[in-house]
Amino acid sequence: MPPKSIIELPAYSPELNPVENLWQYLRSHYWSNRSYDGYDDLREAACESWQVVCLDTELIRSICRCSYVERNNLL
């Protein structure tokens, strides 16, 4: 396996940060167009959806895939 290296990104570039794709996925598939009775219900929904999505490694790979990382053989 080749050694891993750090890719420096511009100071403000959320579109290049793979986790931003995960947040967008969670917002669009689990958190949008819903109403919650209070903070505790919102927190519970967030935790449940996080666990469902993050336990599916293939889904995470597809959501967070970045061509610039693959080109540099970092995964």
PDB file of N, CA and C in Angstrom:
ATOM      1  N   MET A   1       0.850  -1.173   0.000  1.00  0.00           N
ATOM      2  CA  MET A   1       0.000   0.000   0.000  1.00  0.00           C
ATOM      3  C   MET A   1       0.895   1.234   0.000  1.00  0.00           C
ATOM      4  N   PRO A   2       0.623   2.205  -0.899  1.00  0.00           N
ATOM      5  CA  PRO A   2       1.461   3.398  -0.953  1.00  0.00           C
ATOM      6  C   PRO A   2       1.272   4.249   0.302  1.00  0.00           C
ATOM      7  N   PRO A   3       2.294   5.002   0.674  1.00  0.00           N
ATOM      8  CA  PRO A   3       2.153   5.861   1.851  1.00  0.00           C
ATOM      9  C   PRO A   3       1.110   6.944   1.616  1.00  0.00           C
ATOM     10  N   LYS A   4       0.436   7.315   2.653  1.00  0.00           N
ATOM     11  CA  LYS A   4      -0.577   8.364   2.587  1.00  0.00           C
ATOM     12  C   LYS A   4       0.113   9.714   2.740  1.00  0.00           C
ATOM     13  N   SER A   5      -0.441  10.714   2.111  1.00  0.00           N
ATOM     14  CA  SER A   5       0.110  12.052   2.254  1.00  0.00           C
ATOM     15  C   SER A   5      -1.023  13.051   2.381  1.00  0.00           C
ATOM     16  N   ILE A   6      -0.689  14.205   2.863  1.00  0.00           N
ATOM     17  CA  ILE A   6      -1.672  15.262   3.084  1.00  0.00           C
ATOM     18  C   ILE A   6      -1.754  16.119   1.830  1.00  0.00           C
ATOM     19  N   ILE A   7      -2.969  16.416   1.408  1.00  0.00           N
ATOM     20  CA  ILE A   7      -3.174  17.325   0.293  1.00  0.00           C
ATOM     21  C   ILE A   7      -3.624  18.645   0.890  1.00  0.00           C
ATOM     22  N   GLU A   8      -2.846  19.683   0.683  1.00  0.00           N
ATOM     23  CA  GLU A   8      -3.219  20.991   1.218  1.00  0.00           C
ATOM     24  C   GLU A   8      -4.274  21.615   0.316  1.00  0.00           C
ATOM     25  N   LEU A   9      -5.341  22.082   0.925  1.00  0.00           N
ATOM     26  CA  LEU A   9      -6.434  22.712   0.202  1.00  0.00           C
ATOM     27  C   LEU A   9      -6.388  24.215   0.445  1.00  0.00           C
ATOM     28  N   PRO A  10      -6.991  24.999  -0.449  1.00  0.00           N
ATOM     29  CA  PRO A  10      -7.066  26.440  -0.206  1.00  0.00           C
ATOM     30  C   PRO A  10      -7.773  26.720   1.121  1.00  0.00           C
ATOM     31  N   ALA A  11      -7.497  27.882   1.681  1.00  0.00           N
ATOM     32  CA  ALA A  11      -8.013  28.230   3.014  1.00  0.00           C
ATOM     33  C   ALA A  11      -9.522  28.054   3.131  1.00  0.00           C
ATOM     34  N   TYR A  12     -10.290  28.556   2.200  1.00  0.00           N
ATOM     35  CA  TYR A  12     -11.735  28.402   2.258  1.00  0.00           C
ATOM     36  C   TYR A  12     -12.190  27.693   1.001  1.00  0.00           C
ATOM     37  N   SER A  13     -12.387  26.399   1.102  1.00  0.00           N
ATOM     38  CA  SER A  13     -12.807  25.622  -0.062  1.00  0.00           C
ATOM     39  C   SER A  13     -13.685  24.454   0.372  1.00  0.00           C
ATOM     40  N   PRO A  14     -14.880  24.735   0.910  1.00  0.00           N
ATOM     41  CA  PRO A  14     -15.727  23.649   1.396  1.00  0.00           C
ATOM     42  C   PRO A  14     -16.098  22.643   0.304  1.00  0.00           C
ATOM     43  N   GLU A  15     -16.145  23.086  -0.952  1.00  0.00           N
ATOM     44  CA  GLU A  15     -16.502  22.157  -2.028  1.00  0.00           C
ATOM     45  C   GLU A  15     -15.435  21.090  -2.246  1.00  0.00           C
ATOM     46  N   LEU A  16     -14.230  21.303  -1.721  1.00  0.00           N
ATOM     47  CA  LEU A  16     -13.164  20.314  -1.851  1.00  0.00           C
ATOM     48  C   LEU A  16     -13.046  19.408  -0.629  1.00  0.00           C
ATOM     49  N   ASN A  17     -13.796  19.697   0.411  1.00  0.00           N
ATOM     50  CA  ASN A  17     -13.748  18.912   1.637  1.00  0.00           C
ATOM     51  C   ASN A  17     -14.767  17.779   1.546  1.00  0.00           C
ATOM     52  N   PRO A  18     -14.319  16.523   1.526  1.00  0.00           N
ATOM     53  CA  PRO A  18     -15.243  15.397   1.344  1.00  0.00           C
ATOM     54  C   PRO A  18     -16.376  15.332   2.365  1.00  0.00           C
ATOM     55  N   VAL A  19     -16.143  15.780   3.591  1.00  0.00           N
ATOM     56  CA  VAL A  19     -17.205  15.686   4.599  1.00  0.00           C
ATOM     57  C   VAL A  19     -18.359  16.645   4.287  1.00  0.00           C
ATOM     58  N   GLU A  20     -18.115  17.688   3.527  1.00  0.00           N
ATOM     59  CA  GLU A  20     -19.199  18.591   3.140  1.00  0.00           C
ATOM     60  C   GLU A  20     -20.244  17.855   2.305  1.00  0.00           C
ATOM     61  N   ASN A  21     -19.804  16.901   1.495  1.00  0.00           N
ATOM     62  CA  ASN A  21     -20.747  16.092   0.715  1.00  0.00           C
ATOM     63  C   ASN A  21     -21.618  15.241   1.633  1.00  0.00           C
ATOM     64  N   LEU A  22     -21.031  14.764   2.725  1.00  0.00           N
ATOM     65  CA  LEU A  22     -21.799  13.977   3.690  1.00  0.00           C
ATOM     66  C   LEU A  22     -22.867  14.836   4.358  1.00  0.00           C
ATOM     67  N   TRP A  23     -22.508  16.050   4.766  1.00  0.00           N
ATOM     68  CA  TRP A  23     -23.493  16.950   5.392  1.00  0.00           C
ATOM     69  C   TRP A  23     -24.635  17.237   4.416  1.00  0.00           C
ATOM     70  N   GLN A  24     -24.290  17.496   3.154  1.00  0.00           N
ATOM     71  CA  GLN A  24     -25.322  17.770   2.152  1.00  0.00           C
ATOM     72  C   GLN A  24     -26.241  16.558   1.971  1.00  0.00           C
ATOM     73  N   TYR A  25     -25.664  15.366   1.947  1.00  0.00           N
ATOM     74  CA  TYR A  25     -26.464  14.151   1.806  1.00  0.00           C
ATOM     75  C   TYR A  25     -27.429  14.005   2.989  1.00  0.00           C
ATOM     76  N   LEU A  26     -26.920  14.190   4.192  1.00  0.00           N
ATOM     77  CA  LEU A  26     -27.776  14.060   5.378  1.00  0.00           C
ATOM     78  C   LEU A  26     -28.880  15.115   5.366  1.00  0.00           C
ATOM     79  N   ARG A  27     -28.542  16.343   5.005  1.00  0.00           N
ATOM     80  CA  ARG A  27     -29.566  17.395   4.946  1.00  0.00           C
ATOM     81  C   ARG A  27     -30.639  17.052   3.923  1.00  0.00           C
ATOM     82  N   SER A  28     -30.240  16.610   2.746  1.00  0.00           N
ATOM     83  CA  SER A  28     -31.222  16.389   1.687  1.00  0.00           C
ATOM     84  C   SER A  28     -32.024  15.096   1.855  1.00  0.00           C
ATOM     85  N   HIS A  29     -31.432  14.072   2.466  1.00  0.00           N
ATOM     86  CA  HIS A  29     -32.126  12.791   2.584  1.00  0.00           C
ATOM     87  C   HIS A  29     -32.789  12.547   3.941  1.00  0.00           C
ATOM     88  N   TYR A  30     -32.343  13.218   4.968  1.00  0.00           N
ATOM     89  CA  TYR A  30     -32.863  12.917   6.312  1.00  0.00           C
ATOM     90  C   TYR A  30     -33.412  14.133   7.058  1.00  0.00           C
ATOM     91  N   TRP A  31     -32.839  15.301   6.860  1.00  0.00           N
ATOM     92  CA  TRP A  31     -33.164  16.415   7.741  1.00  0.00           C
ATOM     93  C   TRP A  31     -34.062  17.479   7.130  1.00  0.00           C
ATOM     94  N   SER A  32     -34.233  17.492   5.823  1.00  0.00           N
ATOM     95  CA  SER A  32     -35.022  18.564   5.214  1.00  0.00           C
ATOM     96  C   SER A  32     -36.514  18.246   5.235  1.00  0.00           C
ATOM     97  N   ASN A  33     -37.290  19.300   5.185  1.00  0.00           N
ATOM     98  CA  ASN A  33     -38.757  19.206   5.116  1.00  0.00           C
ATOM     99  C   ASN A  33     -39.356  18.385   6.250  1.00  0.00           C
ATOM    100  N   ARG A  34     -38.812  18.559   7.421  1.00  0.00           N
ATOM    101  CA  ARG A  34     -39.339  17.875   8.598  1.00  0.00           C
ATOM    102  C   ARG A  34     -39.549  18.889   9.717  1.00  0.00           C
ATOM    103  N   SER A  35     -40.391  18.543  10.616  1.00  0.00           N
ATOM    104  CA  SER A  35     -40.641  19.396  11.763  1.00  0.00           C
ATOM    105  C   SER A  35     -40.348  18.591  13.027  1.00  0.00           C
ATOM    106  N   TYR A  36     -39.752  19.239  13.990  1.00  0.00           N
ATOM    107  CA  TYR A  36     -39.373  18.567  15.236  1.00  0.00           C
ATOM    108  C   TYR A  36     -40.027  19.295  16.396  1.00  0.00           C
ATOM    109  N   ASP A  37     -40.429  18.520  17.412  1.00  0.00           N
ATOM    110  CA  ASP A  37     -41.115  19.106  18.565  1.00  0.00           C
ATOM    111  C   ASP A  37     -40.173  19.921  19.444  1.00  0.00           C
ATOM    112  N   GLY A  38     -38.912  19.627  19.382  1.00  0.00           N
ATOM    113  CA  GLY A  38     -37.951  20.358  20.205  1.00  0.00           C
ATOM    114  C   GLY A  38     -36.533  19.922  19.895  1.00  0.00           C
ATOM    115  N   TYR A  39     -35.608  20.495  20.627  1.00  0.00           N
ATOM    116  CA  TYR A  39     -34.194  20.209  20.414  1.00  0.00           C
ATOM    117  C   TYR A  39     -33.871  18.730  20.580  1.00  0.00           C
ATOM    118  N   ASP A  40     -34.444  18.104  21.598  1.00  0.00           N
ATOM    119  CA  ASP A  40     -34.151  16.691  21.844  1.00  0.00           C
ATOM    120  C   ASP A  40     -34.592  15.805  20.675  1.00  0.00           C
ATOM    121  N   ASP A  41     -35.742  16.115  20.079  1.00  0.00           N
ATOM    122  CA  ASP A  41     -36.208  15.346  18.924  1.00  0.00           C
ATOM    123  C   ASP A  41     -35.299  15.568  17.717  1.00  0.00           C
ATOM    124  N   LEU A  42     -34.873  16.794  17.522  1.00  0.00           N
ATOM    125  CA  LEU A  42     -33.948  17.104  16.431  1.00  0.00           C
ATOM    126  C   LEU A  42     -32.622  16.372  16.622  1.00  0.00           C
ATOM    127  N   ARG A  43     -32.129  16.403  17.836  1.00  0.00           N
ATOM    128  CA  ARG A  43     -30.865  15.734  18.141  1.00  0.00           C
ATOM    129  C   ARG A  43     -30.976  14.221  17.930  1.00  0.00           C
ATOM    130  N   GLU A  44     -32.068  13.649  18.354  1.00  0.00           N
ATOM    131  CA  GLU A  44     -32.281  12.210  18.178  1.00  0.00           C
ATOM    132  C   GLU A  44     -32.339  11.841  16.695  1.00  0.00           C
ATOM    133  N   ALA A  45     -33.047  12.636  15.896  1.00  0.00           N
ATOM    134  CA  ALA A  45     -33.131  12.377  14.452  1.00  0.00           C
ATOM    135  C   ALA A  45     -31.751  12.488  13.806  1.00  0.00           C
ATOM    136  N   ALA A  46     -30.970  13.471  14.227  1.00  0.00           N
ATOM    137  CA  ALA A  46     -29.628  13.646  13.683  1.00  0.00           C
ATOM    138  C   ALA A  46     -28.740  12.454  14.030  1.00  0.00           C
ATOM    139  N   CYS A  47     -28.786  12.009  15.268  1.00  0.00           N
ATOM    140  CA  CYS A  47     -27.966  10.874  15.698  1.00  0.00           C
ATOM    141  C   CYS A  47     -28.375   9.592  14.979  1.00  0.00           C
ATOM    142  N   GLU A  48     -29.663   9.371  14.829  1.00  0.00           N
ATOM    143  CA  GLU A  48     -30.141   8.162  14.147  1.00  0.00           C
ATOM    144  C   GLU A  48     -29.712   8.144  12.680  1.00  0.00           C
ATOM    145  N   SER A  49     -29.886   9.257  12.003  1.00  0.00           N
ATOM    146  CA  SER A  49     -29.508   9.296  10.587  1.00  0.00           C
ATOM    147  C   SER A  49     -28.000   9.183  10.422  1.00  0.00           C
ATOM    148  N   TRP A  50     -27.245   9.799  11.306  1.00  0.00           N
ATOM    149  CA  TRP A  50     -25.780   9.701  11.262  1.00  0.00           C
ATOM    150  C   TRP A  50     -25.354   8.240  11.382  1.00  0.00           C
ATOM    151  N   GLN A  51     -25.957   7.515  12.320  1.00  0.00           N
ATOM    152  CA  GLN A  51     -25.595   6.116  12.520  1.00  0.00           C
ATOM    153  C   GLN A  51     -25.973   5.258  11.315  1.00  0.00           C
ATOM    154  N   VAL A  52     -27.152   5.484  10.748  1.00  0.00           N
ATOM    155  CA  VAL A  52     -27.584   4.705   9.592  1.00  0.00           C
ATOM    156  C   VAL A  52     -26.624   4.908   8.424  1.00  0.00           C
ATOM    157  N   VAL A  53     -26.313   6.141   8.125  1.00  0.00           N
ATOM    158  CA  VAL A  53     -25.470   6.447   6.974  1.00  0.00           C
ATOM    159  C   VAL A  53     -24.023   6.033   7.220  1.00  0.00           C
ATOM    160  N   CYS A  54     -23.495   6.342   8.370  1.00  0.00           N
ATOM    161  CA  CYS A  54     -22.072   6.106   8.618  1.00  0.00           C
ATOM    162  C   CYS A  54     -21.724   4.642   8.838  1.00  0.00           C
ATOM    163  N   LEU A  55     -22.685   3.808   9.083  1.00  0.00           N
ATOM    164  CA  LEU A  55     -22.403   2.382   9.216  1.00  0.00           C
ATOM    165  C   LEU A  55     -22.380   1.672   7.863  1.00  0.00           C
ATOM    166  N   ASP A  56     -22.771   2.362   6.825  1.00  0.00           N
ATOM    167  CA  ASP A  56     -22.757   1.809   5.469  1.00  0.00           C
ATOM    168  C   ASP A  56     -21.505   2.319   4.753  1.00  0.00           C
ATOM    169  N   THR A  57     -20.438   1.538   4.785  1.00  0.00           N
ATOM    170  CA  THR A  57     -19.150   2.007   4.267  1.00  0.00           C
ATOM    171  C   THR A  57     -19.191   2.292   2.768  1.00  0.00           C
ATOM    172  N   GLU A  58     -19.938   1.516   2.015  1.00  0.00           N
ATOM    173  CA  GLU A  58     -20.019   1.766   0.571  1.00  0.00           C
ATOM    174  C   GLU A  58     -20.745   3.076   0.289  1.00  0.00           C
ATOM    175  N   LEU A  59     -21.765   3.378   1.063  1.00  0.00           N
ATOM    176  CA  LEU A  59     -22.475   4.636   0.901  1.00  0.00           C
ATOM    177  C   LEU A  59     -21.548   5.807   1.223  1.00  0.00           C
ATOM    178  N   ILE A  60     -20.802   5.699   2.299  1.00  0.00           N
ATOM    179  CA  ILE A  60     -19.850   6.758   2.661  1.00  0.00           C
ATOM    180  C   ILE A  60     -18.824   6.944   1.554  1.00  0.00           C
ATOM    181  N   ARG A  61     -18.312   5.855   1.023  1.00  0.00           N
ATOM    182  CA  ARG A  61     -17.333   5.965  -0.078  1.00  0.00           C
ATOM    183  C   ARG A  61     -17.927   6.687  -1.273  1.00  0.00           C
ATOM    184  N   SER A  62     -19.165   6.370  -1.607  1.00  0.00           N
ATOM    185  CA  SER A  62     -19.770   7.007  -2.779  1.00  0.00           C
ATOM    186  C   SER A  62     -20.083   8.480  -2.524  1.00  0.00           C
ATOM    187  N   ILE A  63     -20.506   8.817  -1.322  1.00  0.00           N
ATOM    188  CA  ILE A  63     -20.832  10.205  -0.997  1.00  0.00           C
ATOM    189  C   ILE A  63     -19.576  11.061  -0.918  1.00  0.00           C
ATOM    190  N   CYS A  64     -18.548  10.548  -0.290  1.00  0.00           N
ATOM    191  CA  CYS A  64     -17.344  11.341  -0.012  1.00  0.00           C
ATOM    192  C   CYS A  64     -16.242  11.161  -1.052  1.00  0.00           C
ATOM    193  N   ARG A  65     -16.539  10.483  -2.142  1.00  0.00           N
ATOM    194  CA  ARG A  65     -15.530  10.251  -3.177  1.00  0.00           C
ATOM    195  C   ARG A  65     -15.065  11.581  -3.767  1.00  0.00           C
ATOM    196  N   CYS A  66     -13.758  11.722  -3.889  1.00  0.00           N
ATOM    197  CA  CYS A  66     -13.155  12.931  -4.465  1.00  0.00           C
ATOM    198  C   CYS A  66     -12.160  12.527  -5.527  1.00  0.00           C
ATOM    199  N   SER A  67     -12.354  13.039  -6.718  1.00  0.00           N
ATOM    200  CA  SER A  67     -11.474  12.655  -7.822  1.00  0.00           C
ATOM    201  C   SER A  67     -10.025  13.073  -7.575  1.00  0.00           C
ATOM    202  N   TYR A  68      -9.816  14.234  -6.936  1.00  0.00           N
ATOM    203  CA  TYR A  68      -8.438  14.673  -6.701  1.00  0.00           C
ATOM    204  C   TYR A  68      -7.718  13.768  -5.706  1.00  0.00           C
ATOM    205  N   VAL A  69      -8.450  13.130  -4.812  1.00  0.00           N
ATOM    206  CA  VAL A  69      -7.828  12.194  -3.874  1.00  0.00           C
ATOM    207  C   VAL A  69      -7.507  10.890  -4.603  1.00  0.00           C
ATOM    208  N   GLU A  70      -8.432  10.425  -5.409  1.00  0.00           N
ATOM    209  CA  GLU A  70      -8.200   9.197  -6.159  1.00  0.00           C
ATOM    210  C   GLU A  70      -7.040   9.344  -7.140  1.00  0.00           C
ATOM    211  N   ARG A  71      -6.940  10.507  -7.784  1.00  0.00           N
ATOM    212  CA  ARG A  71      -5.850  10.742  -8.731  1.00  0.00           C
ATOM    213  C   ARG A  71      -4.485  10.648  -8.046  1.00  0.00           C
ATOM    214  N   ASN A  72      -4.437  11.030  -6.780  1.00  0.00           N
ATOM    215  CA  ASN A  72      -3.179  11.013  -6.044  1.00  0.00           C
ATOM    216  C   ASN A  72      -2.970   9.712  -5.271  1.00  0.00           C
ATOM    217  N   ASN A  73      -3.829   8.727  -5.514  1.00  0.00           N
ATOM    218  CA  ASN A  73      -3.713   7.411  -4.874  1.00  0.00           C
ATOM    219  C   ASN A  73      -3.652   7.502  -3.358  1.00  0.00           C
ATOM    220  N   LEU A  74      -4.498   8.314  -2.774  1.00  0.00           N
ATOM    221  CA  LEU A  74      -4.466   8.484  -1.326  1.00  0.00           C
ATOM    222  C   LEU A  74      -5.461   7.583  -0.610  1.00  0.00           C
ATOM    223  N   LEU A  75      -6.343   6.940  -1.332  1.00  0.00           N
ATOM    224  CA  LEU A  75      -7.314   6.053  -0.666  1.00  0.00           C
ATOM    225  C   LEU A  75      -6.901   4.626  -0.769  1.00  0.00           C
TER     226      LEU A  75
END
